[in-house]
mmCIF file of all heavy atoms, coordinates in Angstrom:
data_MODEL
# 
_entry.id   MODEL 
# 
loop_
_atom_site.group_PDB 
_atom_site.id 
_atom_site.type_symbol 
_atom_site.label_atom_id 
_atom_site.label_alt_id 
_atom_site.label_comp_id 
_atom_site.label_asym_id 
_atom_site.label_entity_id 
_atom_site.label_seq_id 
_atom_site.pdbx_PDB_ins_code 
_atom_site.Cartn_x 
_atom_site.Cartn_y 
_atom_site.Cartn_z 
_atom_site.occupancy 
_atom_site.B_iso_or_equiv 
_atom_site.pdbx_formal_charge 
_atom_site.auth_seq_id 
_atom_site.auth_comp_id 
_atom_site.auth_asym_id 
_atom_site.auth_atom_id 
_atom_site.pdbx_PDB_model_num 
ATOM 1   N N   . LEU A 1 1  ? 35.088 15.407 27.278 1.00 0.00 ? 1  LEU A N   1 
ATOM 2   C CA  . LEU A 1 1  ? 35.442 15.775 25.899 1.00 0.00 ? 1  LEU A CA  1 
ATOM 3   C C   . LEU A 1 1  ? 35.475 17.267 25.697 1.00 0.00 ? 1  LEU A C   1 
ATOM 4   O O   . LEU A 1 1  ? 34.854 18.036 26.450 1.00 0.00 ? 1  LEU A O   1 
ATOM 5   C CB  . LEU A 1 1  ? 34.444 15.130 24.929 1.00 0.00 ? 1  LEU A CB  1 
ATOM 6   C CG  . LEU A 1 1  ? 34.507 13.584 24.887 1.00 0.00 ? 1  LEU A CG  1 
ATOM 7   C CD1 . LEU A 1 1  ? 33.354 13.033 24.060 1.00 0.00 ? 1  LEU A CD1 1 
ATOM 8   C CD2 . LEU A 1 1  ? 35.841 13.122 24.315 1.00 0.00 ? 1  LEU A CD2 1 
ATOM 9   N N   . PRO A 1 2  ? 36.221 17.758 24.688 1.00 0.00 ? 2  PRO A N   1 
ATOM 10  C CA  . PRO A 1 2  ? 36.348 19.201 24.463 1.00 0.00 ? 2  PRO A CA  1 
ATOM 11  C C   . PRO A 1 2  ? 35.035 19.840 24.049 1.00 0.00 ? 2  PRO A C   1 
ATOM 12  O O   . PRO A 1 2  ? 34.155 19.150 23.520 1.00 0.00 ? 2  PRO A O   1 
ATOM 13  C CB  . PRO A 1 2  ? 37.411 19.309 23.385 1.00 0.00 ? 2  PRO A CB  1 
ATOM 14  C CG  . PRO A 1 2  ? 37.340 17.982 22.668 1.00 0.00 ? 2  PRO A CG  1 
ATOM 15  C CD  . PRO A 1 2  ? 37.006 16.978 23.699 1.00 0.00 ? 2  PRO A CD  1 
ATOM 16  N N   . ARG A 1 3  ? 34.939 21.128 24.258 1.00 0.00 ? 3  ARG A N   1 
ATOM 17  C CA  . ARG A 1 3  ? 33.779 21.923 23.884 1.00 0.00 ? 3  ARG A CA  1 
ATOM 18  C C   . ARG A 1 3  ? 34.158 22.938 22.838 1.00 0.00 ? 3  ARG A C   1 
ATOM 19  O O   . ARG A 1 3  ? 35.324 23.281 22.745 1.00 0.00 ? 3  ARG A O   1 
ATOM 20  C CB  . ARG A 1 3  ? 33.235 22.633 25.117 1.00 0.00 ? 3  ARG A CB  1 
ATOM 21  C CG  . ARG A 1 3  ? 32.168 21.998 26.013 1.00 0.00 ? 3  ARG A CG  1 
ATOM 22  C CD  . ARG A 1 3  ? 32.200 20.547 26.107 1.00 0.00 ? 3  ARG A CD  1 
ATOM 23  N NE  . ARG A 1 3  ? 31.153 20.047 27.036 1.00 0.00 ? 3  ARG A NE  1 
ATOM 24  C CZ  . ARG A 1 3  ? 31.148 18.831 27.500 1.00 0.00 ? 3  ARG A CZ  1 
ATOM 25  N NH1 . ARG A 1 3  ? 32.085 17.974 27.178 1.00 0.00 ? 3  ARG A NH1 1 
ATOM 26  N NH2 . ARG A 1 3  ? 30.147 18.438 28.299 1.00 0.00 ? 3  ARG A NH2 1 
ATOM 27  N N   . PRO A 1 4  ? 33.168 23.432 22.067 1.00 0.00 ? 4  PRO A N   1 
ATOM 28  C CA  . PRO A 1 4  ? 31.763 23.013 21.998 1.00 0.00 ? 4  PRO A CA  1 
ATOM 29  C C   . PRO A 1 4  ? 31.628 21.560 21.487 1.00 0.00 ? 4  PRO A C   1 
ATOM 30  O O   . PRO A 1 4  ? 32.416 21.145 20.660 1.00 0.00 ? 4  PRO A O   1 
ATOM 31  C CB  . PRO A 1 4  ? 31.145 23.981 20.995 1.00 0.00 ? 4  PRO A CB  1 
ATOM 32  C CG  . PRO A 1 4  ? 32.089 25.141 20.956 1.00 0.00 ? 4  PRO A CG  1 
ATOM 33  C CD  . PRO A 1 4  ? 33.443 24.560 21.154 1.00 0.00 ? 4  PRO A CD  1 
ATOM 34  N N   . LEU A 1 5  ? 30.642 20.858 22.022 1.00 0.00 ? 5  LEU A N   1 
ATOM 35  C CA  . LEU A 1 5  ? 30.490 19.414 21.727 1.00 0.00 ? 5  LEU A CA  1 
ATOM 36  C C   . LEU A 1 5  ? 29.069 19.139 21.240 1.00 0.00 ? 5  LEU A C   1 
ATOM 37  O O   . LEU A 1 5  ? 28.099 19.696 21.765 1.00 0.00 ? 5  LEU A O   1 
ATOM 38  C CB  . LEU A 1 5  ? 30.785 18.602 22.981 1.00 0.00 ? 5  LEU A CB  1 
ATOM 39  C CG  . LEU A 1 5  ? 30.719 17.091 22.822 1.00 0.00 ? 5  LEU A CG  1 
ATOM 40  C CD1 . LEU A 1 5  ? 31.793 16.569 21.887 1.00 0.00 ? 5  LEU A CD1 1 
ATOM 41  C CD2 . LEU A 1 5  ? 30.829 16.402 24.199 1.00 0.00 ? 5  LEU A CD2 1 
ATOM 42  N N   . TRP A 1 6  ? 28.998 18.237 20.259 1.00 0.00 ? 6  TRP A N   1 
ATOM 43  C CA  . TRP A 1 6  ? 27.696 17.828 19.678 1.00 0.00 ? 6  TRP A CA  1 
ATOM 44  C C   . TRP A 1 6  ? 27.602 16.311 19.658 1.00 0.00 ? 6  TRP A C   1 
ATOM 45  O O   . TRP A 1 6  ? 28.618 15.619 19.548 1.00 0.00 ? 6  TRP A O   1 
ATOM 46  C CB  . TRP A 1 6  ? 27.573 18.350 18.239 1.00 0.00 ? 6  TRP A CB  1 
ATOM 47  C CG  . TRP A 1 6  ? 27.594 19.846 18.141 1.00 0.00 ? 6  TRP A CG  1 
ATOM 48  C CD1 . TRP A 1 6  ? 28.697 20.657 18.140 1.00 0.00 ? 6  TRP A CD1 1 
ATOM 49  C CD2 . TRP A 1 6  ? 26.453 20.697 18.040 1.00 0.00 ? 6  TRP A CD2 1 
ATOM 50  N NE1 . TRP A 1 6  ? 28.310 21.973 18.053 1.00 0.00 ? 6  TRP A NE1 1 
ATOM 51  C CE2 . TRP A 1 6  ? 26.949 22.037 17.978 1.00 0.00 ? 6  TRP A CE2 1 
ATOM 52  C CE3 . TRP A 1 6  ? 25.087 20.488 17.993 1.00 0.00 ? 6  TRP A CE3 1 
ATOM 53  C CZ2 . TRP A 1 6  ? 26.109 23.135 17.860 1.00 0.00 ? 6  TRP A CZ2 1 
ATOM 54  C CZ3 . TRP A 1 6  ? 24.238 21.578 17.865 1.00 0.00 ? 6  TRP A CZ3 1 
ATOM 55  C CH2 . TRP A 1 6  ? 24.763 22.885 17.817 1.00 0.00 ? 6  TRP A CH2 1 
ATOM 56  N N   . ILE A 1 7  ? 26.361 15.807 19.707 1.00 0.00 ? 7  ILE A N   1 
ATOM 57  C CA  . ILE A 1 7  ? 26.094 14.398 19.476 1.00 0.00 ? 7  ILE A CA  1 
ATOM 58  C C   . ILE A 1 7  ? 24.879 14.286 18.550 1.00 0.00 ? 7  ILE A C   1 
ATOM 59  O O   . ILE A 1 7  ? 24.148 15.276 18.357 1.00 0.00 ? 7  ILE A O   1 
ATOM 60  C CB  . ILE A 1 7  ? 25.809 13.601 20.781 1.00 0.00 ? 7  ILE A CB  1 
ATOM 61  C CG1 . ILE A 1 7  ? 24.530 14.098 21.470 1.00 0.00 ? 7  ILE A CG1 1 
ATOM 62  C CG2 . ILE A 1 7  ? 27.002 13.658 21.722 1.00 0.00 ? 7  ILE A CG2 1 
ATOM 63  C CD1 . ILE A 1 7  ? 24.005 13.151 22.533 1.00 0.00 ? 7  ILE A CD1 1 
ATOM 64  N N   . THR A 1 8  ? 24.680 13.114 18.013 1.00 0.00 ? 8  THR A N   1 
ATOM 65  C CA  . THR A 1 8  ? 23.488 12.826 17.193 1.00 0.00 ? 8  THR A CA  1 
ATOM 66  C C   . THR A 1 8  ? 22.466 12.067 18.017 1.00 0.00 ? 8  THR A C   1 
ATOM 67  O O   . THR A 1 8  ? 22.820 11.150 18.776 1.00 0.00 ? 8  THR A O   1 
ATOM 68  C CB  . THR A 1 8  ? 23.854 11.988 15.941 1.00 0.00 ? 8  THR A CB  1 
ATOM 69  O OG1 . THR A 1 8  ? 24.583 12.822 15.040 1.00 0.00 ? 8  THR A OG1 1 
ATOM 70  C CG2 . THR A 1 8  ? 22.601 11.482 15.248 1.00 0.00 ? 8  THR A CG2 1 
ATOM 71  N N   . VAL A 1 9  ? 21.238 12.460 17.846 1.00 0.00 ? 9  VAL A N   1 
ATOM 72  C CA  . VAL A 1 9  ? 20.089 11.778 18.481 1.00 0.00 ? 9  VAL A CA  1 
ATOM 73  C C   . VAL A 1 9  ? 19.096 11.390 17.397 1.00 0.00 ? 9  VAL A C   1 
ATOM 74  O O   . VAL A 1 9  ? 18.862 12.167 16.460 1.00 0.00 ? 9  VAL A O   1 
ATOM 75  C CB  . VAL A 1 9  ? 19.433 12.693 19.511 1.00 0.00 ? 9  VAL A CB  1 
ATOM 76  C CG1 . VAL A 1 9  ? 18.190 12.033 20.118 1.00 0.00 ? 9  VAL A CG1 1 
ATOM 77  C CG2 . VAL A 1 9  ? 20.416 13.099 20.599 1.00 0.00 ? 9  VAL A CG2 1 
ATOM 78  N N   . TYR A 1 10 ? 18.558 10.193 17.508 1.00 0.00 ? 10 TYR A N   1 
ATOM 79  C CA  . TYR A 1 10 ? 17.502 9.772  16.582 1.00 0.00 ? 10 TYR A CA  1 
ATOM 80  C C   . TYR A 1 10 ? 16.421 9.013  17.329 1.00 0.00 ? 10 TYR A C   1 
ATOM 81  O O   . TYR A 1 10 ? 16.542 8.773  18.529 1.00 0.00 ? 10 TYR A O   1 
ATOM 82  C CB  . TYR A 1 10 ? 18.091 8.934  15.418 1.00 0.00 ? 10 TYR A CB  1 
ATOM 83  C CG  . TYR A 1 10 ? 18.616 7.587  15.819 1.00 0.00 ? 10 TYR A CG  1 
ATOM 84  C CD1 . TYR A 1 10 ? 17.842 6.452  15.684 1.00 0.00 ? 10 TYR A CD1 1 
ATOM 85  C CD2 . TYR A 1 10 ? 19.930 7.427  16.312 1.00 0.00 ? 10 TYR A CD2 1 
ATOM 86  C CE1 . TYR A 1 10 ? 18.327 5.192  16.014 1.00 0.00 ? 10 TYR A CE1 1 
ATOM 87  C CE2 . TYR A 1 10 ? 20.432 6.188  16.632 1.00 0.00 ? 10 TYR A CE2 1 
ATOM 88  C CZ  . TYR A 1 10 ? 19.611 5.083  16.487 1.00 0.00 ? 10 TYR A CZ  1 
ATOM 89  O OH  . TYR A 1 10 ? 20.096 3.839  16.824 1.00 0.00 ? 10 TYR A OH  1 
ATOM 90  N N   . ASP A 1 11 ? 15.347 8.690  16.640 1.00 0.00 ? 11 ASP A N   1 
ATOM 91  C CA  . ASP A 1 11 ? 14.237 8.008  17.295 1.00 0.00 ? 11 ASP A CA  1 
ATOM 92  C C   . ASP A 1 11 ? 13.701 6.932  16.357 1.00 0.00 ? 11 ASP A C   1 
ATOM 93  O O   . ASP A 1 11 ? 12.899 7.200  15.458 1.00 0.00 ? 11 ASP A O   1 
ATOM 94  C CB  . ASP A 1 11 ? 13.111 8.989  17.645 1.00 0.00 ? 11 ASP A CB  1 
ATOM 95  C CG  . ASP A 1 11 ? 11.877 8.285  18.195 1.00 0.00 ? 11 ASP A CG  1 
ATOM 96  O OD1 . ASP A 1 11 ? 12.007 7.172  18.703 1.00 0.00 ? 11 ASP A OD1 1 
ATOM 97  O OD2 . ASP A 1 11 ? 10.777 8.871  18.106 1.00 0.00 ? 11 ASP A OD2 1 
ATOM 98  N N   . GLN A 1 12 ? 14.141 5.704  16.560 1.00 0.00 ? 12 GLN A N   1 
ATOM 99  C CA  . GLN A 1 12 ? 13.678 4.595  15.695 1.00 0.00 ? 12 GLN A CA  1 
ATOM 100 C C   . GLN A 1 12 ? 12.364 4.017  16.181 1.00 0.00 ? 12 GLN A C   1 
ATOM 101 O O   . GLN A 1 12 ? 11.741 3.223  15.470 1.00 0.00 ? 12 GLN A O   1 
ATOM 102 C CB  . GLN A 1 12 ? 14.742 3.513  15.636 1.00 0.00 ? 12 GLN A CB  1 
ATOM 103 C CG  . GLN A 1 12 ? 14.998 2.768  16.932 1.00 0.00 ? 12 GLN A CG  1 
ATOM 104 C CD  . GLN A 1 12 ? 16.029 1.668  16.769 1.00 0.00 ? 12 GLN A CD  1 
ATOM 105 O OE1 . GLN A 1 12 ? 16.556 1.458  15.689 1.00 0.00 ? 12 GLN A OE1 1 
ATOM 106 N NE2 . GLN A 1 12 ? 16.325 0.943  17.845 1.00 0.00 ? 12 GLN A NE2 1 
ATOM 107 N N   . SER A 1 13 ? 11.925 4.409  17.398 1.00 0.00 ? 13 SER A N   1 
ATOM 108 C CA  . SER A 1 13 ? 10.682 3.852  17.924 1.00 0.00 ? 13 SER A CA  1 
ATOM 109 C C   . SER A 1 13 ? 9.474  4.769  17.708 1.00 0.00 ? 13 SER A C   1 
ATOM 110 O O   . SER A 1 13 ? 8.354  4.410  18.069 1.00 0.00 ? 13 SER A O   1 
ATOM 111 C CB  . SER A 1 13 ? 10.863 3.602  19.443 1.00 0.00 ? 13 SER A CB  1 
ATOM 112 O OG  . SER A 1 13 ? 11.967 2.765  19.685 1.00 0.00 ? 13 SER A OG  1 
ATOM 113 N N   . ASN A 1 14 ? 9.745  5.957  17.132 1.00 0.00 ? 14 ASN A N   1 
ATOM 114 C CA  . ASN A 1 14 ? 8.680  6.922  16.876 1.00 0.00 ? 14 ASN A CA  1 
ATOM 115 C C   . ASN A 1 14 ? 7.863  7.270  18.135 1.00 0.00 ? 14 ASN A C   1 
ATOM 116 O O   . ASN A 1 14 ? 6.626  7.199  18.158 1.00 0.00 ? 14 ASN A O   1 
ATOM 117 C CB  . ASN A 1 14 ? 7.746  6.427  15.764 1.00 0.00 ? 14 ASN A CB  1 
ATOM 118 C CG  . ASN A 1 14 ? 8.386  6.527  14.380 1.00 0.00 ? 14 ASN A CG  1 
ATOM 119 O OD1 . ASN A 1 14 ? 8.986  7.529  14.038 1.00 0.00 ? 14 ASN A OD1 1 
ATOM 120 N ND2 . ASN A 1 14 ? 8.300  5.463  13.612 1.00 0.00 ? 14 ASN A ND2 1 
ATOM 121 N N   . ILE A 1 15 ? 8.593  7.634  19.192 1.00 0.00 ? 15 ILE A N   1 
ATOM 122 C CA  . ILE A 1 15 ? 7.910  7.987  20.430 1.00 0.00 ? 15 ILE A CA  1 
ATOM 123 C C   . ILE A 1 15 ? 7.390  9.433  20.414 1.00 0.00 ? 15 ILE A C   1 
ATOM 124 O O   . ILE A 1 15 ? 6.659  9.828  21.292 1.00 0.00 ? 15 ILE A O   1 
ATOM 125 C CB  . ILE A 1 15 ? 8.858  7.782  21.646 1.00 0.00 ? 15 ILE A CB  1 
ATOM 126 C CG1 . ILE A 1 15 ? 10.093 8.678  21.529 1.00 0.00 ? 15 ILE A CG1 1 
ATOM 127 C CG2 . ILE A 1 15 ? 9.236  6.323  21.780 1.00 0.00 ? 15 ILE A CG2 1 
ATOM 128 C CD1 . ILE A 1 15 ? 11.018 8.608  22.716 1.00 0.00 ? 15 ILE A CD1 1 
ATOM 129 N N   . GLY A 1 16 ? 7.847  10.211 19.439 1.00 0.00 ? 16 GLY A N   1 
ATOM 130 C CA  . GLY A 1 16 ? 7.390  11.587 19.325 1.00 0.00 ? 16 GLY A CA  1 
ATOM 131 C C   . GLY A 1 16 ? 8.401  12.580 19.892 1.00 0.00 ? 16 GLY A C   1 
ATOM 132 O O   . GLY A 1 16 ? 9.212  12.249 20.746 1.00 0.00 ? 16 GLY A O   1 
ATOM 133 N N   . GLY A 1 17 ? 8.317  13.802 19.357 1.00 0.00 ? 17 GLY A N   1 
ATOM 134 C CA  . GLY A 1 17 ? 9.322  14.802 19.709 1.00 0.00 ? 17 GLY A CA  1 
ATOM 135 C C   . GLY A 1 17 ? 9.325  15.205 21.159 1.00 0.00 ? 17 GLY A C   1 
ATOM 136 O O   . GLY A 1 17 ? 10.398 15.316 21.780 1.00 0.00 ? 17 GLY A O   1 
ATOM 137 N N   . LYS A 1 18 ? 8.160  15.385 21.761 1.00 0.00 ? 18 LYS A N   1 
ATOM 138 C CA  . LYS A 1 18 ? 8.118  15.806 23.154 1.00 0.00 ? 18 LYS A CA  1 
ATOM 139 C C   . LYS A 1 18 ? 8.678  14.738 24.079 1.00 0.00 ? 18 LYS A C   1 
ATOM 140 O O   . LYS A 1 18 ? 9.443  15.026 24.994 1.00 0.00 ? 18 LYS A O   1 
ATOM 141 C CB  . LYS A 1 18 ? 6.682  16.135 23.576 1.00 0.00 ? 18 LYS A CB  1 
ATOM 142 C CG  . LYS A 1 18 ? 6.611  16.690 25.009 1.00 0.00 ? 18 LYS A CG  1 
ATOM 143 C CD  . LYS A 1 18 ? 5.192  17.005 25.416 1.00 0.00 ? 18 LYS A CD  1 
ATOM 144 C CE  . LYS A 1 18 ? 5.159  17.614 26.826 1.00 0.00 ? 18 LYS A CE  1 
ATOM 145 N NZ  . LYS A 1 18 ? 5.776  16.721 27.836 1.00 0.00 ? 18 LYS A NZ  1 
ATOM 146 N N   . THR A 1 19 ? 8.308  13.483 23.812 1.00 0.00 ? 19 THR A N   1 
ATOM 147 C CA  . THR A 1 19 ? 8.812  12.379 24.663 1.00 0.00 ? 19 THR A CA  1 
ATOM 148 C C   . THR A 1 19 ? 10.322 12.245 24.468 1.00 0.00 ? 19 THR A C   1 
ATOM 149 O O   . THR A 1 19 ? 11.044 11.983 25.464 1.00 0.00 ? 19 THR A O   1 
ATOM 150 C CB  . THR A 1 19 ? 8.107  11.071 24.277 1.00 0.00 ? 19 THR A CB  1 
ATOM 151 O OG1 . THR A 1 19 ? 6.697  11.246 24.405 1.00 0.00 ? 19 THR A OG1 1 
ATOM 152 C CG2 . THR A 1 19 ? 8.529  9.938  25.186 1.00 0.00 ? 19 THR A CG2 1 
ATOM 153 N N   . LEU A 1 20 ? 10.804 12.403 23.269 1.00 0.00 ? 20 LEU A N   1 
ATOM 154 C CA  . LEU A 1 20 ? 12.247 12.358 23.023 1.00 0.00 ? 20 LEU A CA  1 
ATOM 155 C C   . LEU A 1 20 ? 12.963 13.457 23.765 1.00 0.00 ? 20 LEU A C   1 
ATOM 156 O O   . LEU A 1 20 ? 13.992 13.244 24.416 1.00 0.00 ? 20 LEU A O   1 
ATOM 157 C CB  . LEU A 1 20 ? 12.524 12.466 21.540 1.00 0.00 ? 20 LEU A CB  1 
ATOM 158 C CG  . LEU A 1 20 ? 14.005 12.439 21.141 1.00 0.00 ? 20 LEU A CG  1 
ATOM 159 C CD1 . LEU A 1 20 ? 14.638 11.078 21.450 1.00 0.00 ? 20 LEU A CD1 1 
ATOM 160 C CD2 . LEU A 1 20 ? 14.193 12.772 19.655 1.00 0.00 ? 20 LEU A CD2 1 
ATOM 161 N N   . ALA A 1 21 ? 12.394 14.668 23.715 1.00 0.00 ? 21 ALA A N   1 
ATOM 162 C CA  . ALA A 1 21 ? 12.995 15.807 24.432 1.00 0.00 ? 21 ALA A CA  1 
ATOM 163 C C   . ALA A 1 21 ? 12.988 15.576 25.930 1.00 0.00 ? 21 ALA A C   1 
ATOM 164 O O   . ALA A 1 21 ? 13.990 15.882 26.627 1.00 0.00 ? 21 ALA A O   1 
ATOM 165 C CB  . ALA A 1 21 ? 12.252 17.081 24.057 1.00 0.00 ? 21 ALA A CB  1 
ATOM 166 N N   . ASP A 1 22 ? 11.888 15.046 26.446 1.00 0.00 ? 22 ASP A N   1 
ATOM 167 C CA  . ASP A 1 22 ? 11.806 14.760 27.882 1.00 0.00 ? 22 ASP A CA  1 
ATOM 168 C C   . ASP A 1 22 ? 12.897 13.757 28.295 1.00 0.00 ? 22 ASP A C   1 
ATOM 169 O O   . ASP A 1 22 ? 13.524 13.905 29.340 1.00 0.00 ? 22 ASP A O   1 
ATOM 170 C CB  . ASP A 1 22 ? 10.429 14.221 28.232 1.00 0.00 ? 22 ASP A CB  1 
ATOM 171 C CG  . ASP A 1 22 ? 9.329  15.259 28.145 1.00 0.00 ? 22 ASP A CG  1 
ATOM 172 O OD1 . ASP A 1 22 ? 9.681  16.481 28.099 1.00 0.00 ? 22 ASP A OD1 1 
ATOM 173 O OD2 . ASP A 1 22 ? 8.144  14.893 28.109 1.00 0.00 ? 22 ASP A OD2 1 
ATOM 174 N N   . TRP A 1 23 ? 13.083 12.732 27.461 1.00 0.00 ? 23 TRP A N   1 
ATOM 175 C CA  . TRP A 1 23 ? 14.093 11.708 27.766 1.00 0.00 ? 23 TRP A CA  1 
ATOM 176 C C   . TRP A 1 23 ? 15.491 12.305 27.755 1.00 0.00 ? 23 TRP A C   1 
ATOM 177 O O   . TRP A 1 23 ? 16.271 12.078 28.671 1.00 0.00 ? 23 TRP A O   1 
ATOM 178 C CB  . TRP A 1 23 ? 13.984 10.569 26.729 1.00 0.00 ? 23 TRP A CB  1 
ATOM 179 C CG  . TRP A 1 23 ? 15.049 9.555  26.799 1.00 0.00 ? 23 TRP A CG  1 
ATOM 180 C CD1 . TRP A 1 23 ? 15.223 8.577  27.736 1.00 0.00 ? 23 TRP A CD1 1 
ATOM 181 C CD2 . TRP A 1 23 ? 16.128 9.366  25.881 1.00 0.00 ? 23 TRP A CD2 1 
ATOM 182 N NE1 . TRP A 1 23 ? 16.314 7.797  27.456 1.00 0.00 ? 23 TRP A NE1 1 
ATOM 183 C CE2 . TRP A 1 23 ? 16.911 8.278  26.328 1.00 0.00 ? 23 TRP A CE2 1 
ATOM 184 C CE3 . TRP A 1 23 ? 16.508 10.041 24.707 1.00 0.00 ? 23 TRP A CE3 1 
ATOM 185 C CZ2 . TRP A 1 23 ? 18.038 7.846  25.643 1.00 0.00 ? 23 TRP A CZ2 1 
ATOM 186 C CZ3 . TRP A 1 23 ? 17.625 9.602  24.029 1.00 0.00 ? 23 TRP A CZ3 1 
ATOM 187 C CH2 . TRP A 1 23 ? 18.395 8.525  24.493 1.00 0.00 ? 23 TRP A CH2 1 
ATOM 188 N N   . LEU A 1 24 ? 15.795 13.094 26.747 1.00 0.00 ? 24 LEU A N   1 
ATOM 189 C CA  . LEU A 1 24 ? 17.105 13.714 26.645 1.00 0.00 ? 24 LEU A CA  1 
ATOM 190 C C   . LEU A 1 24 ? 17.382 14.626 27.848 1.00 0.00 ? 24 LEU A C   1 
ATOM 191 O O   . LEU A 1 24 ? 18.497 14.670 28.367 1.00 0.00 ? 24 LEU A O   1 
ATOM 192 C CB  . LEU A 1 24 ? 17.235 14.511 25.348 1.00 0.00 ? 24 LEU A CB  1 
ATOM 193 C CG  . LEU A 1 24 ? 17.579 13.761 24.079 1.00 0.00 ? 24 LEU A CG  1 
ATOM 194 C CD1 . LEU A 1 24 ? 17.498 14.688 22.888 1.00 0.00 ? 24 LEU A CD1 1 
ATOM 195 C CD2 . LEU A 1 24 ? 18.985 13.170 24.190 1.00 0.00 ? 24 LEU A CD2 1 
# 
């Protein structure tokens, strides 16, 4: 896909910010 490119990320399981960042 063309750049600059953005996506949306959310957390419905409430795993926490650090865990979400690690996963991403």
